[in-house]
Amino acid sequence: MKIIEGMNEIHLTMKGIYGYRRMKLNLKRCFGRNVNAKRVRRLMHIAGIHCVIRRKRPKYIRNRPQQTAENILNRDFHVTGPIKNG
């Protein structure tokens, strides 16, 4: 049960943001214990240690153009019918 005590200590110092992958690396780094990832997952489940799942941020925000260009060339952008080739 020394592994669970070490995991609880890491969990409290890192404010619960570590999942099993980082927990495995920190157990090796802090305590010198090389533990399998599956074992860390199982022990975290038994001890009730859960990591914080962050929300996914939106990739972009649609915005309206700040200014629209004037029609300096007086081009006609309205089509009356289909274009005929030929």
C-alpha atoms as a PDB file:
ATOM      1  CA  MET A   1       0.000   0.000   0.000  1.00  0.00           C
ATOM      2  CA  LYS A   2       3.045   2.280  -0.143  1.00  0.00           C
ATOM      3  CA  ILE A   3       2.269   2.948  -3.810  1.00  0.00           C
ATOM      4  CA  ILE A   4      -1.220   4.241  -2.966  1.00  0.00           C
ATOM      5  CA  GLU A   5       0.239   6.505  -0.268  1.00  0.00           C
ATOM      6  CA  GLY A   6       2.711   7.905  -2.805  1.00  0.00           C
ATOM      7  CA  MET A   7      -0.070   8.416  -5.341  1.00  0.00           C
ATOM      8  CA  ASN A   8      -2.192  10.241  -2.748  1.00  0.00           C
ATOM      9  CA  GLU A   9       0.742  12.496  -1.940  1.00  0.00           C
ATOM     10  CA  ILE A  10       1.327  13.323  -5.611  1.00  0.00           C
ATOM     11  CA  HIS A  11      -2.415  13.832  -6.124  1.00  0.00           C
ATOM     12  CA  LEU A  12      -2.604  16.379  -3.294  1.00  0.00           C
ATOM     13  CA  THR A  13       0.541  18.285  -4.279  1.00  0.00           C
ATOM     14  CA  MET A  14      -0.531  18.570  -7.928  1.00  0.00           C
ATOM     15  CA  LYS A  15      -4.152  19.510  -7.058  1.00  0.00           C
ATOM     16  CA  GLY A  16      -5.587  16.457  -8.789  1.00  0.00           C
ATOM     17  CA  ILE A  17      -4.601  17.220 -12.375  1.00  0.00           C
ATOM     18  CA  TYR A  18      -2.491  14.101 -12.974  1.00  0.00           C
ATOM     19  CA  GLY A  19      -3.907  11.056 -14.694  1.00  0.00           C
ATOM     20  CA  TYR A  20      -2.385   7.593 -14.671  1.00  0.00           C
ATOM     21  CA  ARG A  21       0.286   8.396 -17.274  1.00  0.00           C
ATOM     22  CA  ARG A  22       1.769  11.342 -15.398  1.00  0.00           C
ATOM     23  CA  MET A  23       1.232   9.566 -12.090  1.00  0.00           C
ATOM     24  CA  LYS A  24       3.359   6.669 -13.367  1.00  0.00           C
ATOM     25  CA  LEU A  25       6.165   9.038 -14.410  1.00  0.00           C
ATOM     26  CA  ASN A  26       6.109  10.887 -11.083  1.00  0.00           C
ATOM     27  CA  LEU A  27       6.151   7.673  -9.053  1.00  0.00           C
ATOM     28  CA  LYS A  28       9.351   6.774 -10.886  1.00  0.00           C
ATOM     29  CA  ARG A  29      10.813  10.276 -10.544  1.00  0.00           C
ATOM     30  CA  CYS A  30       9.911  11.035  -6.897  1.00  0.00           C
ATOM     31  CA  PHE A  31      10.008   7.649  -5.206  1.00  0.00           C
ATOM     32  CA  GLY A  32      12.197   5.597  -7.528  1.00  0.00           C
ATOM     33  CA  ARG A  33       9.420   3.032  -8.048  1.00  0.00           C
ATOM     34  CA  ASN A  34       9.019   1.665 -11.552  1.00  0.00           C
ATOM     35  CA  VAL A  35       5.346   0.653 -11.781  1.00  0.00           C
ATOM     36  CA  ASN A  36       3.301  -0.612 -14.713  1.00  0.00           C
ATOM     37  CA  ALA A  37       0.685   1.817 -16.097  1.00  0.00           C
ATOM     38  CA  LYS A  38      -2.094  -0.769 -15.782  1.00  0.00           C
ATOM     39  CA  ARG A  39      -1.260  -1.239 -12.124  1.00  0.00           C
ATOM     40  CA  VAL A  40      -1.324   2.529 -11.545  1.00  0.00           C
ATOM     41  CA  ARG A  41      -4.758   2.729 -13.198  1.00  0.00           C
ATOM     42  CA  ARG A  42      -6.087  -0.109 -11.071  1.00  0.00           C
ATOM     43  CA  LEU A  43      -4.720   1.368  -7.824  1.00  0.00           C
ATOM     44  CA  MET A  44      -6.039   4.833  -8.675  1.00  0.00           C
ATOM     45  CA  HIS A  45      -9.480   3.323  -9.221  1.00  0.00           C
ATOM     46  CA  ILE A  46      -9.319   1.478  -5.886  1.00  0.00           C
ATOM     47  CA  ALA A  47      -8.140   4.610  -4.023  1.00  0.00           C
ATOM     48  CA  GLY A  48     -10.752   6.816  -5.725  1.00  0.00           C
ATOM     49  CA  ILE A  49      -8.197   9.133  -7.299  1.00  0.00           C
ATOM     50  CA  HIS A  50      -9.512  10.862 -10.417  1.00  0.00           C
ATOM     51  CA  CYS A  51      -7.835  13.414 -12.615  1.00  0.00           C
ATOM     52  CA  VAL A  52      -9.398  16.697 -13.679  1.00  0.00           C
ATOM     53  CA  ILE A  53     -10.741  16.544 -17.234  1.00  0.00           C
ATOM     54  CA  ARG A  54     -10.372  19.894 -18.914  1.00  0.00           C
ATOM     55  CA  ARG A  55     -12.938  21.222 -21.349  1.00  0.00           C
ATOM     56  CA  LYS A  56     -11.980  21.420 -24.991  1.00  0.00           C
ATOM     57  CA  ARG A  57     -11.614  24.968 -26.228  1.00  0.00           C
ATOM     58  CA  PRO A  58     -13.239  26.019 -29.498  1.00  0.00           C
ATOM     59  CA  LYS A  59     -10.832  26.112 -32.417  1.00  0.00           C
ATOM     60  CA  TYR A  60     -11.908  29.481 -33.732  1.00  0.00           C
ATOM     61  CA  ILE A  61     -14.520  32.156 -33.256  1.00  0.00           C
ATOM     62  CA  ARG A  62     -16.288  33.423 -36.325  1.00  0.00           C
ATOM     63  CA  ASN A  63     -16.232  37.161 -36.621  1.00  0.00           C
ATOM     64  CA  ARG A  64     -17.669  39.630 -39.039  1.00  0.00           C
ATOM     65  CA  PRO A  65     -15.326  41.623 -41.265  1.00  0.00           C
ATOM     66  CA  GLN A  66     -14.540  45.032 -39.823  1.00  0.00           C
ATOM     67  CA  GLN A  67     -14.926  46.819 -43.145  1.00  0.00           C
ATOM     68  CA  THR A  68     -16.227  45.945 -46.581  1.00  0.00           C
ATOM     69  CA  ALA A  69     -14.602  47.294 -49.718  1.00  0.00           C
ATOM     70  CA  GLU A  70     -16.557  49.660 -51.925  1.00  0.00           C
ATOM     71  CA  ASN A  71     -17.492  48.697 -55.489  1.00  0.00           C
ATOM     72  CA  ILE A  72     -15.044  51.079 -57.167  1.00  0.00           C
ATOM     73  CA  LEU A  73     -15.121  49.343 -60.594  1.00  0.00           C
ATOM     74  CA  ASN A  74     -18.953  49.285 -60.699  1.00  0.00           C
ATOM     75  CA  ARG A  75     -18.969  45.542 -61.301  1.00  0.00           C
ATOM     76  CA  ASP A  76     -22.300  43.720 -61.552  1.00  0.00           C
ATOM     77  CA  PHE A  77     -22.286  40.772 -59.149  1.00  0.00           C
ATOM     78  CA  HIS A  78     -25.865  39.639 -59.895  1.00  0.00           C
ATOM     79  CA  VAL A  79     -26.364  36.813 -62.395  1.00  0.00           C
ATOM     80  CA  THR A  80     -29.521  36.746 -64.511  1.00  0.00           C
ATOM     81  CA  GLY A  81     -29.146  33.147 -65.716  1.00  0.00           C
ATOM     82  CA  PRO A  82     -26.702  30.327 -66.364  1.00  0.00           C
ATOM     83  CA  ILE A  83     -23.566  30.982 -68.400  1.00  0.00           C
ATOM     84  CA  LYS A  84     -23.748  29.515 -71.925  1.00  0.00           C
ATOM     85  CA  ASN A  85     -20.548  28.246 -73.494  1.00  0.00           C
ATOM     86  CA  GLY A  86     -20.403  28.320 -77.091  1.00  0.00           C
END
